[in-house]
PDB file of N, CA and C in Angstrom:
ATOM      1  N   MET A   1       8.192  -2.616 -14.884  1.00  0.00           N
ATOM      2  CA  MET A   1       9.157  -2.063 -13.970  1.00  0.00           C
ATOM      3  C   MET A   1       8.443  -1.615 -12.695  1.00  0.00           C
ATOM      4  N   PHE A   2       9.087  -1.795 -11.578  1.00  0.00           N
ATOM      5  CA  PHE A   2       8.514  -1.403 -10.293  1.00  0.00           C
ATOM      6  C   PHE A   2       8.466   0.121 -10.167  1.00  0.00           C
ATOM      7  N   ASN A   3       7.513   0.594  -9.379  1.00  0.00           N
ATOM      8  CA  ASN A   3       7.375   2.019  -9.103  1.00  0.00           C
ATOM      9  C   ASN A   3       7.659   2.246  -7.622  1.00  0.00           C
ATOM     10  N   LEU A   4       8.855   2.679  -7.302  1.00  0.00           N
ATOM     11  CA  LEU A   4       9.257   2.851  -5.907  1.00  0.00           C
ATOM     12  C   LEU A   4       9.107   4.285  -5.412  1.00  0.00           C
ATOM     13  N   THR A   5       8.630   5.193  -6.268  1.00  0.00           N
ATOM     14  CA  THR A   5       8.555   6.603  -5.885  1.00  0.00           C
ATOM     15  C   THR A   5       7.129   7.123  -5.744  1.00  0.00           C
ATOM     16  N   HIS A   6       6.134   6.279  -5.938  1.00  0.00           N
ATOM     17  CA  HIS A   6       4.748   6.731  -5.825  1.00  0.00           C
ATOM     18  C   HIS A   6       4.536   7.304  -4.420  1.00  0.00           C
ATOM     19  N   PRO A   7       3.974   8.517  -4.308  1.00  0.00           N
ATOM     20  CA  PRO A   7       3.822   9.158  -2.989  1.00  0.00           C
ATOM     21  C   PRO A   7       3.037   8.317  -1.977  1.00  0.00           C
ATOM     22  N   LYS A   8       2.014   7.611  -2.425  1.00  0.00           N
ATOM     23  CA  LYS A   8       1.232   6.788  -1.495  1.00  0.00           C
ATOM     24  C   LYS A   8       2.043   5.583  -1.024  1.00  0.00           C
ATOM     25  N   LEU A   9       2.890   5.037  -1.885  1.00  0.00           N
ATOM     26  CA  LEU A   9       3.743   3.914  -1.500  1.00  0.00           C
ATOM     27  C   LEU A   9       4.790   4.370  -0.489  1.00  0.00           C
ATOM     28  N   VAL A  10       5.361   5.532  -0.719  1.00  0.00           N
ATOM     29  CA  VAL A  10       6.338   6.090   0.226  1.00  0.00           C
ATOM     30  C   VAL A  10       5.665   6.327   1.579  1.00  0.00           C
ATOM     31  N   ALA A  11       4.457   6.906   1.564  1.00  0.00           N
ATOM     32  CA  ALA A  11       3.727   7.158   2.809  1.00  0.00           C
ATOM     33  C   ALA A  11       3.405   5.853   3.532  1.00  0.00           C
ATOM     34  N   LEU A  12       3.023   4.824   2.781  1.00  0.00           N
ATOM     35  CA  LEU A  12       2.704   3.522   3.372  1.00  0.00           C
ATOM     36  C   LEU A  12       3.943   2.916   4.023  1.00  0.00           C
ATOM     37  N   ALA A  13       5.058   2.925   3.314  1.00  0.00           N
ATOM     38  CA  ALA A  13       6.298   2.372   3.871  1.00  0.00           C
ATOM     39  C   ALA A  13       6.693   3.117   5.146  1.00  0.00           C
ATOM     40  N   GLU A  14       6.604   4.438   5.117  1.00  0.00           N
ATOM     41  CA  GLU A  14       6.957   5.227   6.300  1.00  0.00           C
ATOM     42  C   GLU A  14       6.016   4.929   7.467  1.00  0.00           C
ATOM     43  N   SER A  15       4.724   4.745   7.172  1.00  0.00           N
ATOM     44  CA  SER A  15       3.770   4.452   8.251  1.00  0.00           C
ATOM     45  C   SER A  15       4.048   3.095   8.892  1.00  0.00           C
ATOM     46  N   GLU A  16       4.711   2.215   8.154  1.00  0.00           N
ATOM     47  CA  GLU A  16       5.069   0.894   8.666  1.00  0.00           C
ATOM     48  C   GLU A  16       6.464   0.887   9.291  1.00  0.00           C
ATOM     49  N   GLY A  17       7.113   2.063   9.349  1.00  0.00           N
ATOM     50  CA  GLY A  17       8.408   2.184  10.008  1.00  0.00           C
ATOM     51  C   GLY A  17       9.617   1.986   9.109  1.00  0.00           C
ATOM     52  N   TYR A  18       9.428   2.040   7.805  1.00  0.00           N
ATOM     53  CA  TYR A  18      10.531   1.842   6.862  1.00  0.00           C
ATOM     54  C   TYR A  18      11.012   3.180   6.323  1.00  0.00           C
ATOM     55  N   SER A  19      12.309   3.340   6.211  1.00  0.00           N
ATOM     56  CA  SER A  19      12.863   4.537   5.578  1.00  0.00           C
ATOM     57  C   SER A  19      13.119   4.296   4.094  1.00  0.00           C
ATOM     58  N   GLU A  20      13.172   3.033   3.697  1.00  0.00           N
ATOM     59  CA  GLU A  20      13.393   2.668   2.294  1.00  0.00           C
ATOM     60  C   GLU A  20      12.216   1.832   1.784  1.00  0.00           C
ATOM     61  N   VAL A  21      11.636   2.252   0.660  1.00  0.00           N
ATOM     62  CA  VAL A  21      10.517   1.512   0.072  1.00  0.00           C
ATOM     63  C   VAL A  21      10.951   0.108  -0.324  1.00  0.00           C
ATOM     64  N   SER A  22      12.167  -0.040  -0.808  1.00  0.00           N
ATOM     65  CA  SER A  22      12.641  -1.353  -1.238  1.00  0.00           C
ATOM     66  C   SER A  22      12.675  -2.346  -0.069  1.00  0.00           C
ATOM     67  N   ASP A  23      13.030  -1.889   1.121  1.00  0.00           N
ATOM     68  CA  ASP A  23      13.020  -2.766   2.298  1.00  0.00           C
ATOM     69  C   ASP A  23      11.595  -3.181   2.654  1.00  0.00           C
ATOM     70  N   PHE A  24      10.678  -2.237   2.571  1.00  0.00           N
ATOM     71  CA  PHE A  24       9.265  -2.515   2.817  1.00  0.00           C
ATOM     72  C   PHE A  24       8.762  -3.602   1.863  1.00  0.00           C
ATOM     73  N   LEU A  25       9.047  -3.446   0.577  1.00  0.00           N
ATOM     74  CA  LEU A  25       8.581  -4.411  -0.421  1.00  0.00           C
ATOM     75  C   LEU A  25       9.226  -5.780  -0.228  1.00  0.00           C
ATOM     76  N   GLU A  26      10.498  -5.797   0.093  1.00  0.00           N
ATOM     77  CA  GLU A  26      11.195  -7.063   0.325  1.00  0.00           C
ATOM     78  C   GLU A  26      10.569  -7.826   1.486  1.00  0.00           C
ATOM     79  N   ASP A  27      10.240  -7.121   2.551  1.00  0.00           N
ATOM     80  CA  ASP A  27       9.660  -7.768   3.727  1.00  0.00           C
ATOM     81  C   ASP A  27       8.239  -8.270   3.496  1.00  0.00           C
ATOM     82  N   HIS A  28       7.499  -7.670   2.570  1.00  0.00           N
ATOM     83  CA  HIS A  28       6.092  -8.016   2.375  1.00  0.00           C
ATOM     84  C   HIS A  28       5.797  -8.719   1.051  1.00  0.00           C
ATOM     85  N   ALA A  29       6.805  -8.965   0.237  1.00  0.00           N
ATOM     86  CA  ALA A  29       6.595  -9.509  -1.109  1.00  0.00           C
ATOM     87  C   ALA A  29       5.883 -10.857  -1.126  1.00  0.00           C
ATOM     88  N   LEU A  30       6.068 -11.672  -0.128  1.00  0.00           N
ATOM     89  CA  LEU A  30       5.484 -13.010  -0.131  1.00  0.00           C
ATOM     90  C   LEU A  30       4.389 -13.184   0.917  1.00  0.00           C
ATOM     91  N   GLY A  31       3.923 -12.098   1.484  1.00  0.00           N
ATOM     92  CA  GLY A  31       2.909 -12.189   2.529  1.00  0.00           C
ATOM     93  C   GLY A  31       1.526 -12.514   1.991  1.00  0.00           C
ATOM     94  N   SER A  32       0.735 -13.185   2.813  1.00  0.00           N
ATOM     95  CA  SER A  32      -0.650 -13.474   2.420  1.00  0.00           C
ATOM     96  C   SER A  32      -1.572 -12.316   2.786  1.00  0.00           C
ATOM     97  N   ILE A  33      -1.128 -11.471   3.696  1.00  0.00           N
ATOM     98  CA  ILE A  33      -1.792 -10.221   4.055  1.00  0.00           C
ATOM     99  C   ILE A  33      -0.690  -9.164   4.092  1.00  0.00           C
ATOM    100  N   VAL A  34      -0.921  -8.034   3.432  1.00  0.00           N
ATOM    101  CA  VAL A  34       0.113  -7.000   3.330  1.00  0.00           C
ATOM    102  C   VAL A  34      -0.475  -5.628   3.648  1.00  0.00           C
ATOM    103  N   PRO A  35       0.372  -4.663   3.973  1.00  0.00           N
ATOM    104  CA  PRO A  35      -0.117  -3.313   4.214  1.00  0.00           C
ATOM    105  C   PRO A  35      -0.705  -2.701   2.935  1.00  0.00           C
ATOM    106  N   ALA A  36      -1.785  -1.960   3.119  1.00  0.00           N
ATOM    107  CA  ALA A  36      -2.453  -1.255   2.025  1.00  0.00           C
ATOM    108  C   ALA A  36      -2.728   0.165   2.486  1.00  0.00           C
ATOM    109  N   ILE A  37      -2.961   1.061   1.525  1.00  0.00           N
ATOM    110  CA  ILE A  37      -3.237   2.458   1.837  1.00  0.00           C
ATOM    111  C   ILE A  37      -4.368   2.960   0.954  1.00  0.00           C
ATOM    112  N   CYS A  38      -5.130   3.887   1.481  1.00  0.00           N
ATOM    113  CA  CYS A  38      -6.191   4.515   0.701  1.00  0.00           C
ATOM    114  C   CYS A  38      -5.537   5.440  -0.320  1.00  0.00           C
ATOM    115  N   THR A  39      -5.946   5.333  -1.572  1.00  0.00           N
ATOM    116  CA  THR A  39      -5.345   6.148  -2.623  1.00  0.00           C
ATOM    117  C   THR A  39      -6.143   7.412  -2.927  1.00  0.00           C
ATOM    118  N   ALA A  40      -7.200   7.663  -2.173  1.00  0.00           N
ATOM    119  CA  ALA A  40      -7.930   8.921  -2.333  1.00  0.00           C
ATOM    120  C   ALA A  40      -6.996  10.075  -1.946  1.00  0.00           C
ATOM    121  N   PRO A  41      -7.064  11.190  -2.668  1.00  0.00           N
ATOM    122  CA  PRO A  41      -6.123  12.296  -2.416  1.00  0.00           C
ATOM    123  C   PRO A  41      -6.141  12.842  -0.994  1.00  0.00           C
ATOM    124  N   ASP A  42      -7.284  12.818  -0.343  1.00  0.00           N
ATOM    125  CA  ASP A  42      -7.399  13.427   0.981  1.00  0.00           C
ATOM    126  C   ASP A  42      -7.433  12.415   2.117  1.00  0.00           C
ATOM    127  N   CYS A  43      -6.974  11.185   1.857  1.00  0.00           N
ATOM    128  CA  CYS A  43      -7.023  10.137   2.878  1.00  0.00           C
ATOM    129  C   CYS A  43      -5.756   9.286   2.801  1.00  0.00           C
ATOM    130  N   ASP A  44      -5.195   8.960   3.941  1.00  0.00           N
ATOM    131  CA  ASP A  44      -4.001   8.102   4.013  1.00  0.00           C
ATOM    132  C   ASP A  44      -4.217   6.944   4.976  1.00  0.00           C
ATOM    133  N   HIS A  45      -5.459   6.496   5.097  1.00  0.00           N
ATOM    134  CA  HIS A  45      -5.762   5.378   5.986  1.00  0.00           C
ATOM    135  C   HIS A  45      -5.015   4.130   5.522  1.00  0.00           C
ATOM    136  N   THR A  46      -4.486   3.364   6.468  1.00  0.00           N
ATOM    137  CA  THR A  46      -3.807   2.114   6.141  1.00  0.00           C
ATOM    138  C   THR A  46      -4.514   0.950   6.819  1.00  0.00           C
ATOM    139  N   ALA A  47      -4.348  -0.227   6.224  1.00  0.00           N
ATOM    140  CA  ALA A  47      -4.922  -1.458   6.767  1.00  0.00           C
ATOM    141  C   ALA A  47      -4.166  -2.626   6.153  1.00  0.00           C
ATOM    142  N   ASP A  48      -4.313  -3.784   6.740  1.00  0.00           N
ATOM    143  CA  ASP A  48      -3.717  -5.001   6.183  1.00  0.00           C
ATOM    144  C   ASP A  48      -4.765  -5.702   5.331  1.00  0.00           C
ATOM    145  N   LEU A  49      -4.438  -5.902   4.049  1.00  0.00           N
ATOM    146  CA  LEU A  49      -5.371  -6.504   3.093  1.00  0.00           C
ATOM    147  C   LEU A  49      -4.656  -7.550   2.241  1.00  0.00           C
ATOM    148  N   GLU A  50      -5.382  -8.127   1.302  1.00  0.00           N
ATOM    149  CA  GLU A  50      -4.823  -9.123   0.400  1.00  0.00           C
ATOM    150  C   GLU A  50      -3.756  -8.471  -0.496  1.00  0.00           C
ATOM    151  N   PRO A  51      -2.737  -9.215  -0.883  1.00  0.00           N
ATOM    152  CA  PRO A  51      -1.662  -8.650  -1.701  1.00  0.00           C
ATOM    153  C   PRO A  51      -2.131  -8.077  -3.042  1.00  0.00           C
ATOM    154  N   ASP A  52      -3.195  -8.640  -3.624  1.00  0.00           N
ATOM    155  CA  ASP A  52      -3.662  -8.173  -4.930  1.00  0.00           C
ATOM    156  C   ASP A  52      -4.830  -7.186  -4.837  1.00  0.00           C
ATOM    157  N   GLN A  53      -5.071  -6.627  -3.664  1.00  0.00           N
ATOM    158  CA  GLN A  53      -6.201  -5.703  -3.478  1.00  0.00           C
ATOM    159  C   GLN A  53      -6.003  -4.422  -4.278  1.00  0.00           C
ATOM    160  N   ARG A  54      -7.019  -4.096  -5.092  1.00  0.00           N
ATOM    161  CA  ARG A  54      -6.965  -2.905  -5.938  1.00  0.00           C
ATOM    162  C   ARG A  54      -8.084  -1.912  -5.646  1.00  0.00           C
ATOM    163  N   ALA A  55      -9.132  -2.339  -4.988  1.00  0.00           N
ATOM    164  CA  ALA A  55     -10.290  -1.462  -4.756  1.00  0.00           C
ATOM    165  C   ALA A  55     -10.984  -1.814  -3.454  1.00  0.00           C
ATOM    166  N   GLY A  56     -10.199  -1.979  -2.398  1.00  0.00           N
ATOM    167  CA  GLY A  56     -10.778  -2.309  -1.106  1.00  0.00           C
ATOM    168  C   GLY A  56     -11.494  -1.116  -0.492  1.00  0.00           C
ATOM    169  N   PHE A  57     -12.445  -1.397   0.383  1.00  0.00           N
ATOM    170  CA  PHE A  57     -13.233  -0.367   1.053  1.00  0.00           C
ATOM    171  C   PHE A  57     -12.408   0.316   2.137  1.00  0.00           C
ATOM    172  N   CYS A  58     -12.353   1.624   2.094  1.00  0.00           N
ATOM    173  CA  CYS A  58     -11.651   2.400   3.117  1.00  0.00           C
ATOM    174  C   CYS A  58     -12.607   2.672   4.268  1.00  0.00           C
ATOM    175  N   GLU A  59     -12.217   2.269   5.460  1.00  0.00           N
ATOM    176  CA  GLU A  59     -13.051   2.441   6.642  1.00  0.00           C
ATOM    177  C   GLU A  59     -13.126   3.889   7.109  1.00  0.00           C
ATOM    178  N   VAL A  60     -12.251   4.754   6.621  1.00  0.00           N
ATOM    179  CA  VAL A  60     -12.250   6.150   7.046  1.00  0.00           C
ATOM    180  C   VAL A  60     -13.061   7.032   6.093  1.00  0.00           C
ATOM    181  N   CYS A  61     -12.760   6.962   4.794  1.00  0.00           N
ATOM    182  CA  CYS A  61     -13.444   7.852   3.848  1.00  0.00           C
ATOM    183  C   CYS A  61     -14.617   7.180   3.130  1.00  0.00           C
ATOM    184  N   GLY A  62     -14.738   5.863   3.251  1.00  0.00           N
ATOM    185  CA  GLY A  62     -15.872   5.156   2.673  1.00  0.00           C
ATOM    186  C   GLY A  62     -15.792   4.880   1.187  1.00  0.00           C
ATOM    187  N   ARG A  63     -14.658   5.111   0.588  1.00  0.00           N
ATOM    188  CA  ARG A  63     -14.514   4.868  -0.858  1.00  0.00           C
ATOM    189  C   ARG A  63     -13.830   3.527  -1.127  1.00  0.00           C
ATOM    190  N   PRO A  64     -14.047   2.971  -2.302  1.00  0.00           N
ATOM    191  CA  PRO A  64     -13.363   1.727  -2.680  1.00  0.00           C
ATOM    192  C   PRO A  64     -11.974   2.047  -3.242  1.00  0.00           C
ATOM    193  N   SER A  65     -11.116   2.601  -2.400  1.00  0.00           N
ATOM    194  CA  SER A  65      -9.846   3.138  -2.874  1.00  0.00           C
ATOM    195  C   SER A  65      -8.620   2.583  -2.160  1.00  0.00           C
ATOM    196  N   MET A  66      -8.773   1.463  -1.464  1.00  0.00           N
ATOM    197  CA  MET A  66      -7.629   0.851  -0.784  1.00  0.00           C
ATOM    198  C   MET A  66      -6.853  -0.016  -1.783  1.00  0.00           C
ATOM    199  N   LYS A  67      -5.543   0.183  -1.825  1.00  0.00           N
ATOM    200  CA  LYS A  67      -4.660  -0.631  -2.676  1.00  0.00           C
ATOM    201  C   LYS A  67      -3.508  -1.141  -1.838  1.00  0.00           C
ATOM    202  N   SER A  68      -3.119  -2.374  -2.115  1.00  0.00           N
ATOM    203  CA  SER A  68      -1.967  -2.926  -1.407  1.00  0.00           C
ATOM    204  C   SER A  68      -0.698  -2.257  -1.917  1.00  0.00           C
ATOM    205  N   GLY A  69       0.310  -2.225  -1.063  1.00  0.00           N
ATOM    206  CA  GLY A  69       1.594  -1.665  -1.462  1.00  0.00           C
ATOM    207  C   GLY A  69       2.202  -2.396  -2.643  1.00  0.00           C
ATOM    208  N   LEU A  70       1.931  -3.693  -2.756  1.00  0.00           N
ATOM    209  CA  LEU A  70       2.473  -4.469  -3.873  1.00  0.00           C
ATOM    210  C   LEU A  70       1.838  -4.060  -5.188  1.00  0.00           C
ATOM    211  N   VAL A  71       0.563  -3.723  -5.173  1.00  0.00           N
ATOM    212  CA  VAL A  71      -0.130  -3.260  -6.379  1.00  0.00           C
ATOM    213  C   VAL A  71       0.386  -1.871  -6.767  1.00  0.00           C
ATOM    214  N   ILE A  72       0.511  -0.992  -5.791  1.00  0.00           N
ATOM    215  CA  ILE A  72       1.007   0.371  -6.078  1.00  0.00           C
ATOM    216  C   ILE A  72       2.403   0.310  -6.674  1.00  0.00           C
ATOM    217  N   ALA A  73       3.231  -0.599  -6.165  1.00  0.00           N
ATOM    218  CA  ALA A  73       4.607  -0.735  -6.661  1.00  0.00           C
ATOM    219  C   ALA A  73       4.677  -1.471  -7.997  1.00  0.00           C
ATOM    220  N   ARG A  74       3.549  -1.970  -8.468  1.00  0.00           N
ATOM    221  CA  ARG A  74       3.456  -2.741  -9.724  1.00  0.00           C
ATOM    222  C   ARG A  74       4.186  -4.079  -9.643  1.00  0.00           C
ATOM    223  N   MET A  75       4.225  -4.654  -8.456  1.00  0.00           N
ATOM    224  CA  MET A  75       4.794  -5.991  -8.302  1.00  0.00           C
ATOM    225  C   MET A  75       3.745  -7.036  -8.661  1.00  0.00           C
ATOM    226  N   ILE A  76       2.484  -6.672  -8.544  1.00  0.00           N
ATOM    227  CA  ILE A  76       1.362  -7.569  -8.879  1.00  0.00           C
ATOM    228  C   ILE A  76       0.531  -6.884  -9.936  1.00  0.00           C
TER     229      ILE A  76
END
């Protein structure tokens, strides 16, 4: 089942200009590059990464904590 209420997913959708997470996911579900967010508690850096990214390098905090919105939503 999809997770549409995860705080980092909500923050990512809002940073991309969406008021609804479902609209964000619909627009990016088939993309080859999708928005991702740092999942570290004290960082909300965003970047465009691969749809299946689970541990990308965050350019702000330096941790391998970048996840794509599709992974956070459990679509992938």
